[in-house]
Amino acid sequence: MSYYFVSVPKLPKQLSHQMGTVELVEYVVREKEKVEKGQTIAIVQNWWAKMALKAVGPGYVSKIFFEKHTHIKEGDPLAIVVCDPEDGPRSKETSELEVIENIRQKPSSEK
């Protein structure tokens, strides 16, 4: 068996916040639940958007780390997924990010 940390990725410029954090809205899965590649593990948000953090490979969630409404820094892990070694991440990215809802638009710096 192998495992990977599901971490908050570095957010793209259009979603990044000066604090470099996101707030945990909720975990969609619980400890010991099976996950598939692309399945949402947690919902997070910041000033600009609500986002889903998705599994990069199948396995099961062995540990979640935070309570709702906790502010988590980019790069920090939210959960551990235990998996077969061939199902682990193929790159340094340990979660997929999908914007669910744009809350606000960043002002354009172009004039």
Protein backbone atom coordinates (compact mmCIF):
# COMPACT_ATOMS: atom_id res chain seq x y z
CA MET A 1 0.00 0.00 0.00
CA SER A 2 0.94 3.59 -0.56
CA TYR A 3 -0.63 6.93 0.28
CA TYR A 4 -0.74 10.57 -0.72
CA PHE A 5 -1.68 13.79 1.00
CA VAL A 6 -4.57 15.72 -0.54
CA SER A 7 -3.15 19.25 -0.33
CA VAL A 8 -4.47 22.69 -1.19
CA PRO A 9 -2.76 23.48 -4.50
CA LYS A 10 -1.17 26.80 -5.35
CA LEU A 11 -4.15 28.76 -6.65
CA PRO A 12 -4.05 30.39 -10.08
CA LYS A 13 -3.58 34.16 -10.12
CA GLN A 14 -7.26 34.84 -10.84
CA LEU A 15 -8.24 32.91 -7.68
CA SER A 16 -5.36 33.61 -5.33
CA HIS A 17 -5.86 35.72 -2.25
CA GLN A 18 -3.27 37.88 -0.54
CA MET A 19 -3.49 35.72 2.59
CA GLY A 20 -2.65 32.54 0.62
CA THR A 21 -5.37 30.62 2.46
CA VAL A 22 -8.72 28.96 1.82
CA GLU A 23 -11.51 28.20 4.28
CA LEU A 24 -12.70 24.60 4.62
CA VAL A 25 -16.42 24.63 3.86
CA GLU A 26 -16.94 20.88 4.24
CA TYR A 27 -15.54 17.43 3.65
CA VAL A 28 -17.63 15.57 1.07
CA VAL A 29 -16.19 12.21 2.16
CA ARG A 30 -15.49 10.86 5.62
CA GLU A 31 -12.62 8.83 7.01
CA LYS A 32 -12.55 5.22 5.77
CA GLU A 33 -14.69 6.05 2.71
CA LYS A 34 -13.57 4.95 -0.74
CA VAL A 35 -12.76 7.63 -3.33
CA GLU A 36 -12.34 7.44 -7.07
CA LYS A 37 -10.07 9.53 -9.28
CA GLY A 38 -11.72 12.93 -9.81
CA GLN A 39 -14.10 12.54 -6.86
CA THR A 40 -14.51 15.62 -4.65
CA ILE A 41 -12.95 15.19 -1.23
CA ALA A 42 -13.52 18.69 0.17
CA ILE A 43 -15.10 22.04 -0.67
CA VAL A 44 -13.04 25.15 0.11
CA GLN A 45 -13.50 28.83 -0.58
CA ASN A 46 -11.77 32.16 -0.36
CA TRP A 47 -12.73 35.75 -1.14
CA TRP A 48 -12.94 35.00 -4.88
CA ALA A 49 -14.40 31.53 -5.37
CA LYS A 50 -15.80 28.28 -3.99
CA MET A 51 -13.74 25.30 -5.16
CA ALA A 52 -13.76 21.49 -5.07
CA LEU A 53 -10.56 19.62 -4.22
CA LYS A 54 -10.64 16.27 -5.99
CA ALA A 55 -8.72 13.03 -5.63
CA VAL A 56 -5.96 12.41 -8.18
CA GLY A 57 -6.30 8.64 -7.83
CA PRO A 58 -8.51 5.97 -6.29
CA GLY A 59 -8.14 4.75 -2.72
CA TYR A 60 -9.76 5.45 0.61
CA VAL A 61 -9.56 8.40 2.97
CA SER A 62 -7.63 7.30 6.04
CA LYS A 63 -7.41 10.66 7.83
CA ILE A 64 -8.91 14.14 7.64
CA PHE A 65 -7.19 16.96 9.48
CA PHE A 66 -9.43 19.99 9.94
CA GLU A 67 -12.80 21.14 11.25
CA LYS A 68 -15.22 23.21 9.15
CA HIS A 69 -14.38 26.92 8.81
CA THR A 70 -10.65 26.35 9.42
CA HIS A 71 -8.36 28.52 7.28
CA ILE A 72 -5.75 26.40 5.52
CA LYS A 73 -2.64 27.62 3.70
CA GLU A 74 -1.84 26.68 0.12
CA GLY A 75 0.31 23.54 0.19
CA ASP A 76 -1.09 22.25 3.49
CA PRO A 77 -2.70 18.79 3.48
CA LEU A 78 -6.43 18.30 4.13
CA ALA A 79 -6.51 14.51 4.12
CA ILE A 80 -4.56 11.32 3.49
CA VAL A 81 -5.66 8.87 0.78
CA VAL A 82 -4.33 5.32 1.03
CA CYS A 83 -3.97 3.68 -2.38
CA ASP A 84 -2.15 1.08 -4.43
CA PRO A 85 1.28 2.40 -5.47
CA GLU A 86 0.32 2.56 -9.16
CA ASP A 87 -2.75 4.71 -8.31
CA GLY A 88 -0.85 7.48 -6.52
CA PRO A 89 -0.07 10.92 -7.96
CA ARG A 90 2.03 11.00 -11.14
CA SER A 91 3.17 14.59 -10.52
CA LYS A 92 3.74 16.83 -7.52
CA GLU A 93 0.07 17.90 -7.63
CA THR A 94 -1.86 15.89 -5.03
CA SER A 95 -5.33 17.25 -5.77
CA GLU A 96 -7.32 18.57 -8.69
CA LEU A 97 -9.00 21.96 -8.33
CA GLU A 98 -12.37 22.82 -9.84
CA VAL A 99 -14.13 26.16 -9.42
CA ILE A 100 -17.73 25.53 -8.39
CA GLU A 101 -18.80 29.15 -8.02
CA ASN A 102 -17.17 32.51 -8.67
CA ILE A 103 -18.03 34.70 -5.70
CA ARG A 104 -16.36 37.91 -6.89
CA GLN A 105 -14.39 39.04 -9.94
CA LYS A 106 -10.88 40.30 -9.41
CA PRO A 107 -10.44 43.81 -10.79
CA SER A 108 -8.34 43.92 -13.92
CA SER A 109 -4.98 45.62 -13.60
CA GLU A 110 -5.02 46.45 -17.32
CA LYS A 111 -6.17 49.90 -18.42
